[in-house]
Amino acid sequence: MHVNGYNLRMTRGDSETIHISCENADGTPHPFQSGDTVYFTVKKDVNTAEILLQKIITIFTETGAAQVELAPQDTRGLSYGGYKYDVQLSCADGQVMTIVPPNDFRIGGEVTYD
């Protein structure tokens, strides 16, 4: 996985873990808590309704971070090229926030298939 700002690039069919944490407006940590839900969503573009890949995280690390676990089968069926992703937080108290706005998610080619 290669991260450039918020842009992500990975090889199709690989396993990857994306660590997501959140901060308050003043820069202090905002750990995810019980009852929160974090959505990692990939679409062809922001105007498309079809979700190609979505991970829903409701269990968090001891430090309050979310871990998006991508398995080989999650990207194996995607074509090489560019997509868009974002990360949304639905808080236990009902607030909804896009904590990572739409950014590039690139799937690169592979030579070795298993």
Protein backbone atom coordinates (compact mmCIF):
# COMPACT_ATOMS: atom_id res chain seq x y z
CA MET A 1 0.00 0.00 0.00
CA HIS A 2 1.24 3.46 -0.84
CA VAL A 3 -0.32 6.48 0.84
CA ASN A 4 0.24 9.97 -0.56
CA GLY A 5 -1.74 12.46 1.51
CA TYR A 6 -5.15 10.83 1.45
CA ASN A 7 -4.58 9.12 -1.91
CA LEU A 8 -4.19 5.33 -1.73
CA ARG A 9 -2.53 2.96 -4.20
CA MET A 10 -2.34 -0.82 -3.91
CA THR A 11 -1.76 -3.92 -6.03
CA ARG A 12 -4.91 -5.78 -7.02
CA GLY A 13 -5.42 -8.96 -5.00
CA ASP A 14 -3.03 -8.07 -2.17
CA SER A 15 -3.80 -8.03 1.56
CA GLU A 16 -3.64 -4.58 3.14
CA THR A 17 -4.47 -2.92 6.45
CA ILE A 18 -5.41 0.76 6.54
CA HIS A 19 -5.22 2.43 9.96
CA ILE A 20 -7.68 5.28 10.49
CA SER A 21 -7.66 7.67 13.43
CA CYS A 22 -9.53 10.90 14.00
CA GLU A 23 -8.79 14.29 15.54
CA ASN A 24 -10.97 17.03 16.96
CA ALA A 25 -10.87 20.48 15.36
CA ASP A 26 -8.27 21.58 17.95
CA GLY A 27 -5.93 18.72 16.95
CA THR A 28 -6.51 16.55 20.01
CA PRO A 29 -7.19 12.85 19.43
CA HIS A 30 -10.81 11.78 19.01
CA PRO A 31 -10.74 8.02 19.62
CA PHE A 32 -13.55 5.96 18.13
CA GLN A 33 -15.73 4.44 20.84
CA SER A 34 -18.30 1.73 21.37
CA GLY A 35 -21.40 2.50 19.31
CA ASP A 36 -19.48 4.34 16.57
CA THR A 37 -19.39 2.98 13.03
CA VAL A 38 -16.66 3.76 10.49
CA TYR A 39 -17.41 3.19 6.79
CA PHE A 40 -14.63 2.82 4.20
CA THR A 41 -16.31 2.99 0.77
CA VAL A 42 -14.91 2.68 -2.77
CA LYS A 43 -16.81 3.63 -5.94
CA LYS A 44 -15.78 4.20 -9.56
CA ASP A 45 -16.40 7.92 -9.06
CA VAL A 46 -18.29 10.20 -6.68
CA ASN A 47 -21.33 10.39 -8.97
CA THR A 48 -21.86 6.62 -9.11
CA ALA A 49 -24.38 4.91 -6.84
CA GLU A 50 -22.78 1.46 -7.11
CA ILE A 51 -20.51 0.59 -4.19
CA LEU A 52 -17.61 -1.58 -5.38
CA LEU A 53 -16.03 -2.15 -1.98
CA GLN A 54 -17.19 -1.26 1.51
CA LYS A 55 -15.81 -2.15 4.91
CA ILE A 56 -17.80 -1.38 8.05
CA ILE A 57 -15.79 -1.16 11.27
CA THR A 58 -17.46 -1.28 14.69
CA ILE A 59 -14.61 -2.72 16.78
CA PHE A 60 -11.63 -0.47 17.41
CA THR A 61 -8.06 -0.80 18.67
CA GLU A 62 -7.11 -0.08 22.28
CA THR A 63 -6.10 3.43 21.18
CA GLY A 64 -9.48 4.05 19.52
CA ALA A 65 -8.34 3.66 15.90
CA ALA A 66 -10.14 1.77 13.13
CA GLN A 67 -8.38 -0.86 11.05
CA VAL A 68 -9.68 -1.50 7.54
CA GLU A 69 -8.64 -5.04 6.62
CA LEU A 70 -8.56 -5.64 2.87
CA ALA A 71 -8.39 -9.29 1.82
CA PRO A 72 -7.24 -10.45 -1.64
CA GLN A 73 -10.82 -11.18 -2.74
CA ASP A 74 -11.86 -7.57 -1.95
CA THR A 75 -9.93 -6.17 -4.93
CA ARG A 76 -9.36 -9.25 -7.10
CA GLY A 77 -12.45 -8.49 -9.23
CA LEU A 78 -11.67 -4.79 -9.74
CA SER A 79 -10.13 -3.55 -12.98
CA TYR A 80 -6.76 -1.81 -12.86
CA GLY A 81 -7.15 1.95 -12.65
CA GLY A 82 -8.58 4.77 -10.62
CA TYR A 83 -11.47 4.84 -8.17
CA LYS A 84 -12.67 7.17 -5.41
CA TYR A 85 -12.98 6.38 -1.70
CA ASP A 86 -14.04 8.17 1.44
CA VAL A 87 -14.36 7.41 5.14
CA GLN A 88 -17.51 8.27 7.08
CA LEU A 89 -17.99 8.20 10.84
CA SER A 90 -21.45 7.60 12.27
CA CYS A 91 -21.16 8.42 15.97
CA ALA A 92 -23.02 6.67 18.76
CA ASP A 93 -24.76 9.99 19.52
CA GLY A 94 -26.21 10.21 15.98
CA GLN A 95 -23.74 12.63 14.41
CA VAL A 96 -22.47 11.74 10.92
CA MET A 97 -19.16 13.11 9.61
CA THR A 98 -17.07 12.44 6.53
CA ILE A 99 -13.64 12.23 8.16
CA VAL A 100 -11.74 11.51 4.93
CA PRO A 101 -13.27 13.32 1.95
CA PRO A 102 -13.34 11.67 -1.49
CA ASN A 103 -9.81 10.89 -2.66
CA ASP A 104 -8.06 8.68 -5.19
CA PHE A 105 -7.88 4.91 -4.72
CA ARG A 106 -5.72 3.32 -7.43
CA ILE A 107 -5.55 -0.38 -8.18
CA GLY A 108 -2.28 -1.37 -9.84
CA GLY A 109 -1.38 -4.36 -11.93
CA GLU A 110 -0.01 -7.65 -10.70
CA VAL A 111 2.28 -10.22 -12.29
CA THR A 112 1.98 -13.10 -9.83
CA TYR A 113 -1.47 -14.62 -9.35
CA ASP A 114 -2.23 -17.25 -6.74
